[in-house]
Amino acid sequence: MVDPTSDLCEDVTEENAPRCAVCEKPIVQQKSHRVVTSIEDGSVVTTHFCTPDCRTQWDG
């Protein structure tokens, strides 16, 4: 997976792109990409969403 802080519109393929936590689609060249960051067991966890609608559907 690519660094979630990088520009996801450049040099990202479906194989190394993060996946949406709701629909599991690879997030490639999507301007509506959303990320939720949390701490779990002392580690940073990033949860990716391909659209605001998927972010709204997530119950994490």
C-alpha atoms as a PDB file:
ATOM      1  CA  MET A   1       0.000   0.000   0.000  1.00  0.00           C
ATOM      2  CA  VAL A   2       1.153   3.529  -0.699  1.00  0.00           C
ATOM      3  CA  ASP A   3       1.811   6.153   1.942  1.00  0.00           C
ATOM      4  CA  PRO A   4      -1.652   7.557   2.829  1.00  0.00           C
ATOM      5  CA  THR A   5      -0.184  11.055   3.025  1.00  0.00           C
ATOM      6  CA  SER A   6       1.092  10.938  -0.561  1.00  0.00           C
ATOM      7  CA  ASP A   7      -0.684  12.407  -3.561  1.00  0.00           C
ATOM      8  CA  LEU A   8      -2.904   9.506  -4.640  1.00  0.00           C
ATOM      9  CA  CYS A   9      -3.374  10.948  -8.106  1.00  0.00           C
ATOM     10  CA  GLU A  10       0.165  10.118  -9.194  1.00  0.00           C
ATOM     11  CA  ASP A  11       2.009   6.833  -9.742  1.00  0.00           C
ATOM     12  CA  VAL A  12      -0.594   4.650  -8.021  1.00  0.00           C
ATOM     13  CA  THR A  13      -1.756   1.401  -9.564  1.00  0.00           C
ATOM     14  CA  GLU A  14      -4.706  -0.735  -8.528  1.00  0.00           C
ATOM     15  CA  GLU A  15      -2.266  -3.269  -7.052  1.00  0.00           C
ATOM     16  CA  ASN A  16      -0.623  -0.854  -4.587  1.00  0.00           C
ATOM     17  CA  ALA A  17      -3.518   1.539  -3.941  1.00  0.00           C
ATOM     18  CA  PRO A  18      -5.362   1.559  -0.634  1.00  0.00           C
ATOM     19  CA  ARG A  19      -8.811  -0.070  -0.686  1.00  0.00           C
ATOM     20  CA  CYS A  20     -12.075   1.471   0.431  1.00  0.00           C
ATOM     21  CA  ALA A  21     -13.119   0.110   3.843  1.00  0.00           C
ATOM     22  CA  VAL A  22     -16.750  -0.172   2.678  1.00  0.00           C
ATOM     23  CA  CYS A  23     -16.818  -1.281  -0.968  1.00  0.00           C
ATOM     24  CA  GLU A  24     -13.188  -2.538  -1.190  1.00  0.00           C
ATOM     25  CA  LYS A  25     -12.547  -0.773  -4.502  1.00  0.00           C
ATOM     26  CA  PRO A  26      -8.967   0.402  -5.039  1.00  0.00           C
ATOM     27  CA  ILE A  27      -8.632   4.148  -4.518  1.00  0.00           C
ATOM     28  CA  VAL A  28      -6.913   5.345  -7.684  1.00  0.00           C
ATOM     29  CA  GLN A  29      -7.138   8.920  -8.980  1.00  0.00           C
ATOM     30  CA  GLN A  30     -10.195   9.815  -6.929  1.00  0.00           C
ATOM     31  CA  LYS A  31     -10.472  13.394  -5.758  1.00  0.00           C
ATOM     32  CA  SER A  32     -13.180  12.487  -3.226  1.00  0.00           C
ATOM     33  CA  HIS A  33     -10.878  10.129  -1.282  1.00  0.00           C
ATOM     34  CA  ARG A  34     -11.360  10.348   2.512  1.00  0.00           C
ATOM     35  CA  VAL A  35      -9.182   8.982   5.327  1.00  0.00           C
ATOM     36  CA  VAL A  36      -9.985   8.436   8.999  1.00  0.00           C
ATOM     37  CA  THR A  37      -6.997   8.086  11.316  1.00  0.00           C
ATOM     38  CA  SER A  38      -7.254   6.426  14.712  1.00  0.00           C
ATOM     39  CA  ILE A  39      -5.082   4.839  17.383  1.00  0.00           C
ATOM     40  CA  GLU A  40      -5.617   1.133  18.084  1.00  0.00           C
ATOM     41  CA  ASP A  41      -3.458  -0.750  20.586  1.00  0.00           C
ATOM     42  CA  GLY A  42      -0.886   2.053  20.456  1.00  0.00           C
ATOM     43  CA  SER A  43      -0.566   2.023  16.652  1.00  0.00           C
ATOM     44  CA  VAL A  44      -1.832   4.480  14.061  1.00  0.00           C
ATOM     45  CA  VAL A  45      -4.518   2.980  11.811  1.00  0.00           C
ATOM     46  CA  THR A  46      -5.704   4.670   8.620  1.00  0.00           C
ATOM     47  CA  THR A  47      -9.058   3.734   7.126  1.00  0.00           C
ATOM     48  CA  HIS A  48      -9.648   4.780   3.523  1.00  0.00           C
ATOM     49  CA  PHE A  49     -12.900   5.583   1.721  1.00  0.00           C
ATOM     50  CA  CYS A  50     -13.357   6.168  -2.001  1.00  0.00           C
ATOM     51  CA  THR A  51     -16.312   8.555  -1.656  1.00  0.00           C
ATOM     52  CA  PRO A  52     -18.054  10.595   1.015  1.00  0.00           C
ATOM     53  CA  ASP A  53     -21.003   8.178   0.716  1.00  0.00           C
ATOM     54  CA  CYS A  54     -18.794   5.226   1.657  1.00  0.00           C
ATOM     55  CA  ARG A  55     -17.414   7.255   4.568  1.00  0.00           C
ATOM     56  CA  THR A  56     -20.978   7.878   5.764  1.00  0.00           C
ATOM     57  CA  GLN A  57     -21.839   4.150   5.512  1.00  0.00           C
ATOM     58  CA  TRP A  58     -18.853   3.081   7.633  1.00  0.00           C
ATOM     59  CA  ASP A  59     -19.688   2.285  11.241  1.00  0.00           C
ATOM     60  CA  GLY A  60     -16.133   2.025  12.581  1.00  0.00           C
END
